[in-house]
Each structure stands twice: as structure tokens, then as C-alpha cells.
PDB file of N, CA and C in Angstrom:
ATOM      1  N   UNK A   1     198.277  20.757  86.211  1.00  0.00           N
ATOM      2  CA  UNK A   1     197.687  19.622  85.227  1.00  0.00           C
ATOM      3  C   UNK A   1     196.463  18.994  85.923  1.00  0.00           C
ATOM      4  N   UNK A   2     196.350  19.232  87.203  1.00  0.00           N
ATOM      5  CA  UNK A   2     195.117  18.603  87.905  1.00  0.00           C
ATOM      6  C   UNK A   2     193.785  18.706  87.278  1.00  0.00           C
ATOM      7  N   UNK A   3     193.451  20.042  86.704  1.00  0.00           N
ATOM      8  CA  UNK A   3     192.226  19.960  86.140  1.00  0.00           C
ATOM      9  C   UNK A   3     192.382  20.069  84.682  1.00  0.00           C
ATOM     10  N   UNK A   4     193.202  19.426  83.870  1.00  0.00           N
ATOM     11  CA  UNK A   4     193.476  19.468  82.712  1.00  0.00           C
ATOM     12  C   UNK A   4     192.462  18.453  82.065  1.00  0.00           C
ATOM     13  N   UNK A   5     192.167  18.583  80.681  1.00  0.00           N
ATOM     14  CA  UNK A   5     191.314  17.772  80.087  1.00  0.00           C
ATOM     15  C   UNK A   5     192.220  16.527  79.580  1.00  0.00           C
ATOM     16  N   UNK A   6     191.777  15.140  79.775  1.00  0.00           N
ATOM     17  CA  UNK A   6     192.511  14.082  79.509  1.00  0.00           C
ATOM     18  C   UNK A   6     192.710  13.772  77.899  1.00  0.00           C
ATOM     19  N   UNK A   7     193.579  12.848  77.812  1.00  0.00           N
ATOM     20  CA  UNK A   7     193.921  12.675  76.383  1.00  0.00           C
ATOM     21  C   UNK A   7     193.772  11.058  76.029  1.00  0.00           C
ATOM     22  N   UNK A   8     193.185  10.602  75.104  1.00  0.00           N
ATOM     23  CA  UNK A   8     192.999   9.071  74.822  1.00  0.00           C
ATOM     24  C   UNK A   8     194.098   8.388  74.387  1.00  0.00           C
ATOM     25  N   UNK A   9     195.060   9.001  73.903  1.00  0.00           N
ATOM     26  CA  UNK A   9     196.341   8.395  73.408  1.00  0.00           C
ATOM     27  C   UNK A   9     197.575   9.023  73.820  1.00  0.00           C
ATOM     28  N   UNK A  10     198.672   8.176  74.100  1.00  0.00           N
ATOM     29  CA  UNK A  10     199.872   9.017  74.411  1.00  0.00           C
ATOM     30  C   UNK A  10     200.589  10.189  73.655  1.00  0.00           C
ATOM     31  N   UNK A  11     200.260  10.219  72.278  1.00  0.00           N
ATOM     32  CA  UNK A  11     200.491  10.905  71.331  1.00  0.00           C
ATOM     33  C   UNK A  11     199.440  11.103  70.316  1.00  0.00           C
ATOM     34  N   UNK A  12     199.242  12.255  69.692  1.00  0.00           N
ATOM     35  CA  UNK A  12     198.190  12.477  68.802  1.00  0.00           C
ATOM     36  C   UNK A  12     198.322  11.677  67.601  1.00  0.00           C
ATOM     37  N   UNK A  13     197.291  10.976  67.175  1.00  0.00           N
ATOM     38  CA  UNK A  13     197.311  10.092  66.101  1.00  0.00           C
ATOM     39  C   UNK A  13     197.432  10.921  64.689  1.00  0.00           C
ATOM     40  N   UNK A  14     198.430  10.463  63.941  1.00  0.00           N
ATOM     41  CA  UNK A  14     198.683  10.874  62.589  1.00  0.00           C
ATOM     42  C   UNK A  14     199.513  12.063  62.486  1.00  0.00           C
ATOM     43  N   UNK A  15     200.071  12.511  63.690  1.00  0.00           N
ATOM     44  CA  UNK A  15     201.130  13.676  63.578  1.00  0.00           C
ATOM     45  C   UNK A  15     202.563  13.095  63.689  1.00  0.00           C
ATOM     46  N   UNK A  16     203.332  13.916  62.885  1.00  0.00           N
ATOM     47  CA  UNK A  16     204.705  13.485  62.814  1.00  0.00           C
ATOM     48  C   UNK A  16     205.586  14.480  63.672  1.00  0.00           C
ATOM     49  N   UNK A  17     206.241  14.107  64.665  1.00  0.00           N
ATOM     50  CA  UNK A  17     207.065  15.314  65.398  1.00  0.00           C
ATOM     51  C   UNK A  17     208.126  15.605  64.733  1.00  0.00           C
ATOM     52  N   UNK A  18     208.664  15.005  63.723  1.00  0.00           N
ATOM     53  CA  UNK A  18     209.799  15.922  63.034  1.00  0.00           C
ATOM     54  C   UNK A  18     209.273  16.729  61.865  1.00  0.00           C
ATOM     55  N   UNK A  19     207.899  16.737  61.504  1.00  0.00           N
ATOM     56  CA  UNK A  19     207.433  18.012  60.805  1.00  0.00           C
ATOM     57  C   UNK A  19     207.406  19.311  61.173  1.00  0.00           C
ATOM     58  N   UNK A  20     207.635  19.675  62.189  1.00  0.00           N
ATOM     59  CA  UNK A  20     207.681  20.829  62.872  1.00  0.00           C
ATOM     60  C   UNK A  20     209.076  21.342  63.525  1.00  0.00           C
ATOM     61  N   UNK A  21     210.193  20.873  62.967  1.00  0.00           N
ATOM     62  CA  UNK A  21     211.479  21.227  63.404  1.00  0.00           C
ATOM     63  C   UNK A  21     211.933  22.608  63.438  1.00  0.00           C
ATOM     64  N   UNK A  22     211.034  23.357  62.768  1.00  0.00           N
ATOM     65  CA  UNK A  22     211.435  24.656  62.400  1.00  0.00           C
ATOM     66  C   UNK A  22     210.728  25.709  63.393  1.00  0.00           C
ATOM     67  N   UNK A  23     209.993  25.212  64.417  1.00  0.00           N
ATOM     68  CA  UNK A  23     209.220  25.893  65.456  1.00  0.00           C
ATOM     69  C   UNK A  23     210.517  26.590  66.411  1.00  0.00           C
ATOM     70  N   UNK A  24     209.887  27.640  67.230  1.00  0.00           N
ATOM     71  CA  UNK A  24     210.778  28.152  68.110  1.00  0.00           C
ATOM     72  C   UNK A  24     211.177  27.001  69.056  1.00  0.00           C
ATOM     73  N   UNK A  25     212.392  27.368  69.656  1.00  0.00           N
ATOM     74  CA  UNK A  25     212.712  26.346  70.510  1.00  0.00           C
ATOM     75  C   UNK A  25     212.427  26.601  72.032  1.00  0.00           C
ATOM     76  N   UNK A  26     212.478  25.683  72.825  1.00  0.00           N
ATOM     77  CA  UNK A  26     212.088  25.834  74.260  1.00  0.00           C
ATOM     78  C   UNK A  26     213.228  25.541  75.173  1.00  0.00           C
ATOM     79  N   UNK A  27     213.449  25.517  76.385  1.00  0.00           N
ATOM     80  CA  UNK A  27     214.348  25.103  77.470  1.00  0.00           C
ATOM     81  C   UNK A  27     214.814  23.758  77.340  1.00  0.00           C
ATOM     82  N   UNK A  28     216.054  23.687  76.817  1.00  0.00           N
ATOM     83  CA  UNK A  28     216.651  22.221  76.598  1.00  0.00           C
ATOM     84  C   UNK A  28     216.635  21.422  78.035  1.00  0.00           C
ATOM     85  N   UNK A  29     217.122  22.205  78.947  1.00  0.00           N
ATOM     86  CA  UNK A  29     217.566  21.460  80.157  1.00  0.00           C
ATOM     87  C   UNK A  29     216.144  20.958  80.839  1.00  0.00           C
ATOM     88  N   UNK A  30     215.302  21.907  80.911  1.00  0.00           N
ATOM     89  CA  UNK A  30     214.015  21.544  81.413  1.00  0.00           C
ATOM     90  C   UNK A  30     213.217  20.282  80.653  1.00  0.00           C
ATOM     91  N   UNK A  31     213.405  20.295  79.279  1.00  0.00           N
ATOM     92  CA  UNK A  31     212.809  19.410  78.370  1.00  0.00           C
ATOM     93  C   UNK A  31     213.577  18.093  78.806  1.00  0.00           C
ATOM     94  N   UNK A  32     214.709  18.012  79.045  1.00  0.00           N
ATOM     95  CA  UNK A  32     215.781  16.792  79.081  1.00  0.00           C
ATOM     96  C   UNK A  32     215.181  16.145  80.621  1.00  0.00           C
ATOM     97  N   UNK A  33     214.964  17.142  81.658  1.00  0.00           N
ATOM     98  CA  UNK A  33     214.633  16.652  82.903  1.00  0.00           C
ATOM     99  C   UNK A  33     213.099  15.968  82.893  1.00  0.00           C
ATOM    100  N   UNK A  34     212.228  16.563  81.984  1.00  0.00           N
ATOM    101  CA  UNK A  34     210.881  16.165  82.077  1.00  0.00           C
ATOM    102  C   UNK A  34     210.847  14.671  81.341  1.00  0.00           C
ATOM    103  N   UNK A  35     211.668  14.540  80.134  1.00  0.00           N
ATOM    104  CA  UNK A  35     211.563  13.419  79.434  1.00  0.00           C
ATOM    105  C   UNK A  35     212.251  12.178  80.267  1.00  0.00           C
ATOM    106  N   UNK A  36     213.341  12.776  80.884  1.00  0.00           N
ATOM    107  CA  UNK A  36     213.862  11.794  81.880  1.00  0.00           C
ATOM    108  C   UNK A  36     212.907  11.148  82.973  1.00  0.00           C
ATOM    109  N   UNK A  37     212.053  11.962  83.504  1.00  0.00           N
ATOM    110  CA  UNK A  37     211.131  11.688  84.545  1.00  0.00           C
ATOM    111  C   UNK A  37     210.228  10.704  83.917  1.00  0.00           C
ATOM    112  N   UNK A  38     209.619  10.943  82.583  1.00  0.00           N
ATOM    113  CA  UNK A  38     208.795  10.101  81.970  1.00  0.00           C
ATOM    114  C   UNK A  38     209.476   8.692  81.733  1.00  0.00           C
ATOM    115  N   UNK A  39     210.620   8.850  81.418  1.00  0.00           N
ATOM    116  CA  UNK A  39     211.400   7.552  80.850  1.00  0.00           C
ATOM    117  C   UNK A  39     211.455   6.675  82.053  1.00  0.00           C
ATOM    118  N   UNK A  40     211.684   7.249  83.362  1.00  0.00           N
ATOM    119  CA  UNK A  40     211.659   6.380  84.562  1.00  0.00           C
ATOM    120  C   UNK A  40     210.371   5.734  84.738  1.00  0.00           C
ATOM    121  N   UNK A  41     209.309   6.283  84.675  1.00  0.00           N
ATOM    122  CA  UNK A  41     207.864   6.163  84.913  1.00  0.00           C
ATOM    123  C   UNK A  41     207.683   4.893  83.676  1.00  0.00           C
ATOM    124  N   UNK A  42     207.941   5.127  82.700  1.00  0.00           N
ATOM    125  CA  UNK A  42     207.657   4.186  81.713  1.00  0.00           C
ATOM    126  C   UNK A  42     208.373   2.881  81.799  1.00  0.00           C
ATOM    127  N   UNK A  43     209.680   2.906  82.467  1.00  0.00           N
ATOM    128  CA  UNK A  43     210.355   1.620  82.723  1.00  0.00           C
ATOM    129  C   UNK A  43     209.905   1.145  83.820  1.00  0.00           C
ATOM    130  N   UNK A  44     209.148   1.777  84.873  1.00  0.00           N
ATOM    131  CA  UNK A  44     208.968   1.191  86.029  1.00  0.00           C
ATOM    132  C   UNK A  44     207.400   0.599  85.982  1.00  0.00           C
ATOM    133  N   UNK A  45     206.238   1.502  85.797  1.00  0.00           N
ATOM    134  CA  UNK A  45     205.022   1.115  85.813  1.00  0.00           C
ATOM    135  C   UNK A  45     204.065   1.362  84.803  1.00  0.00           C
ATOM    136  N   UNK A  46     204.598   2.128  83.512  1.00  0.00           N
ATOM    137  CA  UNK A  46     203.648   2.662  82.752  1.00  0.00           C
ATOM    138  C   UNK A  46     204.372   2.297  81.347  1.00  0.00           C
ATOM    139  N   UNK A  47     204.467   0.831  81.030  1.00  0.00           N
ATOM    140  CA  UNK A  47     205.038   0.719  79.561  1.00  0.00           C
ATOM    141  C   UNK A  47     204.333   1.072  78.482  1.00  0.00           C
ATOM    142  N   UNK A  48     202.931   1.446  78.769  1.00  0.00           N
ATOM    143  CA  UNK A  48     202.166   1.899  77.627  1.00  0.00           C
ATOM    144  C   UNK A  48     202.379   3.352  77.031  1.00  0.00           C
ATOM    145  N   UNK A  49     203.324   3.957  77.782  1.00  0.00           N
ATOM    146  CA  UNK A  49     203.745   5.291  77.284  1.00  0.00           C
ATOM    147  C   UNK A  49     205.258   5.286  76.856  1.00  0.00           C
ATOM    148  N   UNK A  50     205.916   4.007  76.903  1.00  0.00           N
ATOM    149  CA  UNK A  50     207.270   3.793  76.542  1.00  0.00           C
ATOM    150  C   UNK A  50     207.451   4.495  75.027  1.00  0.00           C
ATOM    151  N   UNK A  51     206.697   3.874  73.995  1.00  0.00           N
ATOM    152  CA  UNK A  51     207.110   4.405  72.650  1.00  0.00           C
ATOM    153  C   UNK A  51     206.838   5.916  72.537  1.00  0.00           C
ATOM    154  N   UNK A  52     205.841   6.429  72.977  1.00  0.00           N
ATOM    155  CA  UNK A  52     205.725   7.973  72.825  1.00  0.00           C
ATOM    156  C   UNK A  52     206.898   8.879  73.517  1.00  0.00           C
ATOM    157  N   UNK A  53     207.214   8.350  74.705  1.00  0.00           N
ATOM    158  CA  UNK A  53     208.367   9.130  75.362  1.00  0.00           C
ATOM    159  C   UNK A  53     209.532   8.795  74.655  1.00  0.00           C
ATOM    160  N   UNK A  54     209.879   7.545  74.228  1.00  0.00           N
ATOM    161  CA  UNK A  54     211.123   7.153  73.463  1.00  0.00           C
ATOM    162  C   UNK A  54     211.130   8.162  72.169  1.00  0.00           C
ATOM    163  N   UNK A  55     210.027   8.323  71.518  1.00  0.00           N
ATOM    164  CA  UNK A  55     209.839   9.160  70.146  1.00  0.00           C
ATOM    165  C   UNK A  55     210.281  10.413  70.674  1.00  0.00           C
ATOM    166  N   UNK A  56     209.594  10.998  71.591  1.00  0.00           N
ATOM    167  CA  UNK A  56     209.933  12.542  72.116  1.00  0.00           C
ATOM    168  C   UNK A  56     211.402  12.811  72.607  1.00  0.00           C
ATOM    169  N   UNK A  57     211.884  11.611  73.276  1.00  0.00           N
ATOM    170  CA  UNK A  57     213.240  11.819  73.560  1.00  0.00           C
ATOM    171  C   UNK A  57     214.358  11.822  72.557  1.00  0.00           C
ATOM    172  N   UNK A  58     213.894  11.486  71.430  1.00  0.00           N
ATOM    173  CA  UNK A  58     214.814  11.842  70.201  1.00  0.00           C
ATOM    174  C   UNK A  58     215.055  13.320  69.873  1.00  0.00           C
ATOM    175  N   UNK A  59     214.217  14.080  70.507  1.00  0.00           N
ATOM    176  CA  UNK A  59     214.351  15.464  70.180  1.00  0.00           C
ATOM    177  C   UNK A  59     214.958  16.217  71.265  1.00  0.00           C
ATOM    178  N   UNK A  60     215.546  15.476  72.104  1.00  0.00           N
ATOM    179  CA  UNK A  60     216.284  16.342  73.457  1.00  0.00           C
ATOM    180  C   UNK A  60     217.342  17.169  73.045  1.00  0.00           C
ATOM    181  N   UNK A  61     217.978  17.014  71.841  1.00  0.00           N
ATOM    182  CA  UNK A  61     219.045  17.886  71.401  1.00  0.00           C
ATOM    183  C   UNK A  61     218.555  19.227  71.107  1.00  0.00           C
ATOM    184  N   UNK A  62     217.388  19.299  70.470  1.00  0.00           N
ATOM    185  CA  UNK A  62     217.012  20.853  70.141  1.00  0.00           C
ATOM    186  C   UNK A  62     215.399  20.701  70.154  1.00  0.00           C
ATOM    187  N   UNK A  63     214.751  20.650  71.298  1.00  0.00           N
ATOM    188  CA  UNK A  63     213.360  20.571  71.511  1.00  0.00           C
ATOM    189  C   UNK A  63     212.672  21.978  71.220  1.00  0.00           C
ATOM    190  N   UNK A  64     211.665  21.881  70.629  1.00  0.00           N
ATOM    191  CA  UNK A  64     210.821  23.100  70.073  1.00  0.00           C
ATOM    192  C   UNK A  64     209.565  23.067  70.934  1.00  0.00           C
ATOM    193  N   UNK A  65     208.937  24.226  70.969  1.00  0.00           N
ATOM    194  CA  UNK A  65     207.675  24.439  71.609  1.00  0.00           C
ATOM    195  C   UNK A  65     206.715  23.076  71.094  1.00  0.00           C
ATOM    196  N   UNK A  66     206.483  22.806  69.974  1.00  0.00           N
ATOM    197  CA  UNK A  66     205.982  21.531  69.369  1.00  0.00           C
ATOM    198  C   UNK A  66     206.231  20.517  70.142  1.00  0.00           C
ATOM    199  N   UNK A  67     207.429  20.214  70.413  1.00  0.00           N
ATOM    200  CA  UNK A  67     207.648  18.798  71.285  1.00  0.00           C
ATOM    201  C   UNK A  67     207.236  18.994  72.669  1.00  0.00           C
ATOM    202  N   UNK A  68     207.585  20.389  73.190  1.00  0.00           N
ATOM    203  CA  UNK A  68     206.965  20.561  74.518  1.00  0.00           C
ATOM    204  C   UNK A  68     205.470  20.302  74.704  1.00  0.00           C
ATOM    205  N   UNK A  69     204.721  20.657  73.689  1.00  0.00           N
ATOM    206  CA  UNK A  69     203.081  20.403  73.681  1.00  0.00           C
ATOM    207  C   UNK A  69     202.742  18.947  73.435  1.00  0.00           C
ATOM    208  N   UNK A  70     203.826  18.200  72.734  1.00  0.00           N
ATOM    209  CA  UNK A  70     203.416  16.757  72.796  1.00  0.00           C
ATOM    210  C   UNK A  70     203.743  16.036  74.028  1.00  0.00           C
ATOM    211  N   UNK A  71     204.881  16.666  74.812  1.00  0.00           N
ATOM    212  CA  UNK A  71     205.058  16.179  76.182  1.00  0.00           C
ATOM    213  C   UNK A  71     203.893  16.449  77.085  1.00  0.00           C
ATOM    214  N   UNK A  72     203.295  17.572  76.887  1.00  0.00           N
ATOM    215  CA  UNK A  72     202.071  17.891  77.665  1.00  0.00           C
ATOM    216  C   UNK A  72     200.998  17.130  77.262  1.00  0.00           C
ATOM    217  N   UNK A  73     200.787  16.464  76.126  1.00  0.00           N
ATOM    218  CA  UNK A  73     199.777  15.734  75.609  1.00  0.00           C
ATOM    219  C   UNK A  73     199.999  14.244  76.421  1.00  0.00           C
ATOM    220  N   UNK A  74     201.455  13.978  76.648  1.00  0.00           N
ATOM    221  CA  UNK A  74     201.563  12.701  77.338  1.00  0.00           C
ATOM    222  C   UNK A  74     201.158  12.963  78.653  1.00  0.00           C
ATOM    223  N   UNK A  75     201.297  14.093  79.409  1.00  0.00           N
ATOM    224  CA  UNK A  75     200.838  14.075  80.514  1.00  0.00           C
ATOM    225  C   UNK A  75     199.473  14.269  80.816  1.00  0.00           C
ATOM    226  N   UNK A  76     198.707  14.727  79.758  1.00  0.00           N
ATOM    227  CA  UNK A  76     197.202  14.528  79.563  1.00  0.00           C
ATOM    228  C   UNK A  76     196.686  13.290  79.569  1.00  0.00           C
ATOM    229  N   UNK A  77     197.426  12.329  78.760  1.00  0.00           N
ATOM    230  CA  UNK A  77     197.128  11.035  78.841  1.00  0.00           C
ATOM    231  C   UNK A  77     197.333  10.194  80.081  1.00  0.00           C
ATOM    232  N   UNK A  78     198.460  10.517  80.690  1.00  0.00           N
ATOM    233  CA  UNK A  78     198.704  10.029  82.123  1.00  0.00           C
ATOM    234  C   UNK A  78     197.532  10.442  83.081  1.00  0.00           C
ATOM    235  N   UNK A  79     196.993  11.676  82.994  1.00  0.00           N
ATOM    236  CA  UNK A  79     195.821  11.986  83.779  1.00  0.00           C
ATOM    237  C   UNK A  79     194.704  11.325  83.512  1.00  0.00           C
ATOM    238  N   UNK A  80     194.296  10.895  82.085  1.00  0.00           N
ATOM    239  CA  UNK A  80     193.343  10.395  81.943  1.00  0.00           C
ATOM    240  C   UNK A  80     193.312   8.921  82.287  1.00  0.00           C
ATOM    241  N   UNK A  81     194.383   8.216  82.238  1.00  0.00           N
ATOM    242  CA  UNK A  81     194.576   6.936  82.532  1.00  0.00           C
ATOM    243  C   UNK A  81     195.422   6.511  83.967  1.00  0.00           C
ATOM    244  N   UNK A  82     195.342   7.671  84.894  1.00  0.00           N
ATOM    245  CA  UNK A  82     196.114   7.654  86.139  1.00  0.00           C
ATOM    246  C   UNK A  82     195.899   6.278  86.875  1.00  0.00           C
ATOM    247  N   UNK A  83     194.774   5.544  86.637  1.00  0.00           N
ATOM    248  CA  UNK A  83     194.666   4.367  87.662  1.00  0.00           C
ATOM    249  C   UNK A  83     195.144   3.060  86.903  1.00  0.00           C
ATOM    250  N   UNK A  84     195.765   3.252  85.576  1.00  0.00           N
ATOM    251  CA  UNK A  84     196.197   2.124  85.011  1.00  0.00           C
ATOM    252  C   UNK A  84     197.862   2.096  85.544  1.00  0.00           C
ATOM    253  N   UNK A  85     198.362   0.692  85.821  1.00  0.00           N
ATOM    254  CA  UNK A  85     199.719   0.670  86.385  1.00  0.00           C
ATOM    255  C   UNK A  85     199.969  -0.741  86.375  1.00  0.00           C
ATOM    256  N   UNK A  86     201.062  -1.148  86.308  1.00  0.00           N
ATOM    257  CA  UNK A  86     201.616  -2.711  86.553  1.00  0.00           C
ATOM    258  C   UNK A  86     201.982  -2.873  88.071  1.00  0.00           C
ATOM    259  N   UNK A  87     201.352  -3.963  88.472  1.00  0.00           N
ATOM    260  CA  UNK A  87     201.488  -4.306  89.785  1.00  0.00           C
ATOM    261  C   UNK A  87     202.445  -5.624  90.096  1.00  0.00           C
ATOM    262  N   UNK A  88     203.369  -5.668  90.982  1.00  0.00           N
ATOM    263  CA  UNK A  88     204.150  -6.882  90.983  1.00  0.00           C
ATOM    264  C   UNK A  88     203.695  -7.527  92.105  1.00  0.00           C
ATOM    265  N   UNK A  89     203.362  -8.754  92.185  1.00  0.00           N
ATOM    266  CA  UNK A  89     203.062  -9.460  93.546  1.00  0.00           C
ATOM    267  C   UNK A  89     203.842 -11.001  93.568  1.00  0.00           C
ATOM    268  N   UNK A  90     204.110 -11.240  94.567  1.00  0.00           N
ATOM    269  CA  UNK A  90     204.917 -12.458  94.806  1.00  0.00           C
ATOM    270  C   UNK A  90     203.923 -13.553  95.079  1.00  0.00           C
ATOM    271  N   UNK A  91     204.024 -14.585  94.254  1.00  0.00           N
ATOM    272  CA  UNK A  91     203.169 -15.843  94.230  1.00  0.00           C
ATOM    273  C   UNK A  91     203.932 -16.818  94.416  1.00  0.00           C
ATOM    274  N   UNK A  92     203.424 -17.966  95.069  1.00  0.00           N
ATOM    275  CA  UNK A  92     203.976 -19.158  95.319  1.00  0.00           C
ATOM    276  C   UNK A  92     205.249 -19.171  96.221  1.00  0.00           C
ATOM    277  N   UNK A  93     205.693 -20.198  96.470  1.00  0.00           N
ATOM    278  CA  UNK A  93     206.969 -20.474  97.499  1.00  0.00           C
ATOM    279  C   UNK A  93     208.112 -20.574  96.637  1.00  0.00           C
ATOM    280  N   UNK A  94     209.361 -19.987  96.601  1.00  0.00           N
ATOM    281  CA  UNK A  94     210.396 -20.184  95.884  1.00  0.00           C
ATOM    282  C   UNK A  94     211.571 -20.575  96.928  1.00  0.00           C
TER     283      UNK A  94
END
């Protein structure tokens, strides 16, 4: 994914992930691991992907290649926005 083309949004605009539930299935365990990694990232430093990852997490039961491609789109978005992050700094004396 180092040389991939970036994406401007976490999910393609106007697409419904439920519309292609009839596509061929992909590896469920691998998809769950990947979604888990993105959930961890969204919870820690990248809340801007939380909705997209949460939406794709609803398909962990029977993911298809379409969902895998949407996951890859999220990775492309992360590549495009790799320098965006939350930073926590201690200020003041408590």
C-alpha cells in the first residue's frame, strides 16, 4: 500500500455496502483481524475513520470481496491523510 493512490474520503460517496451482499465471499478471519486493527486505530488516534470502520464491521459475519475492497479504500484514505492524528499534551498543573 506504500505506492497506492490516495482516497479523499474514508468510504466512497453514494455507495451502499449492503447492496452487494451477493458478491463472492472473502476470508472471514482475515477480514475480522483487519477490521479490529482499524477499530483500534479509530479509537486511539483517528476518529475520522470511526464511522466507516464501524459500518464495515457490521459485515464481519459474511464479508465479501466488495467489503474487502471498501476496507482497502479506507487504507487508501489513511495513506492520503497519514499526517492527520490526535495528539494529547498535558497542559497546566493539576
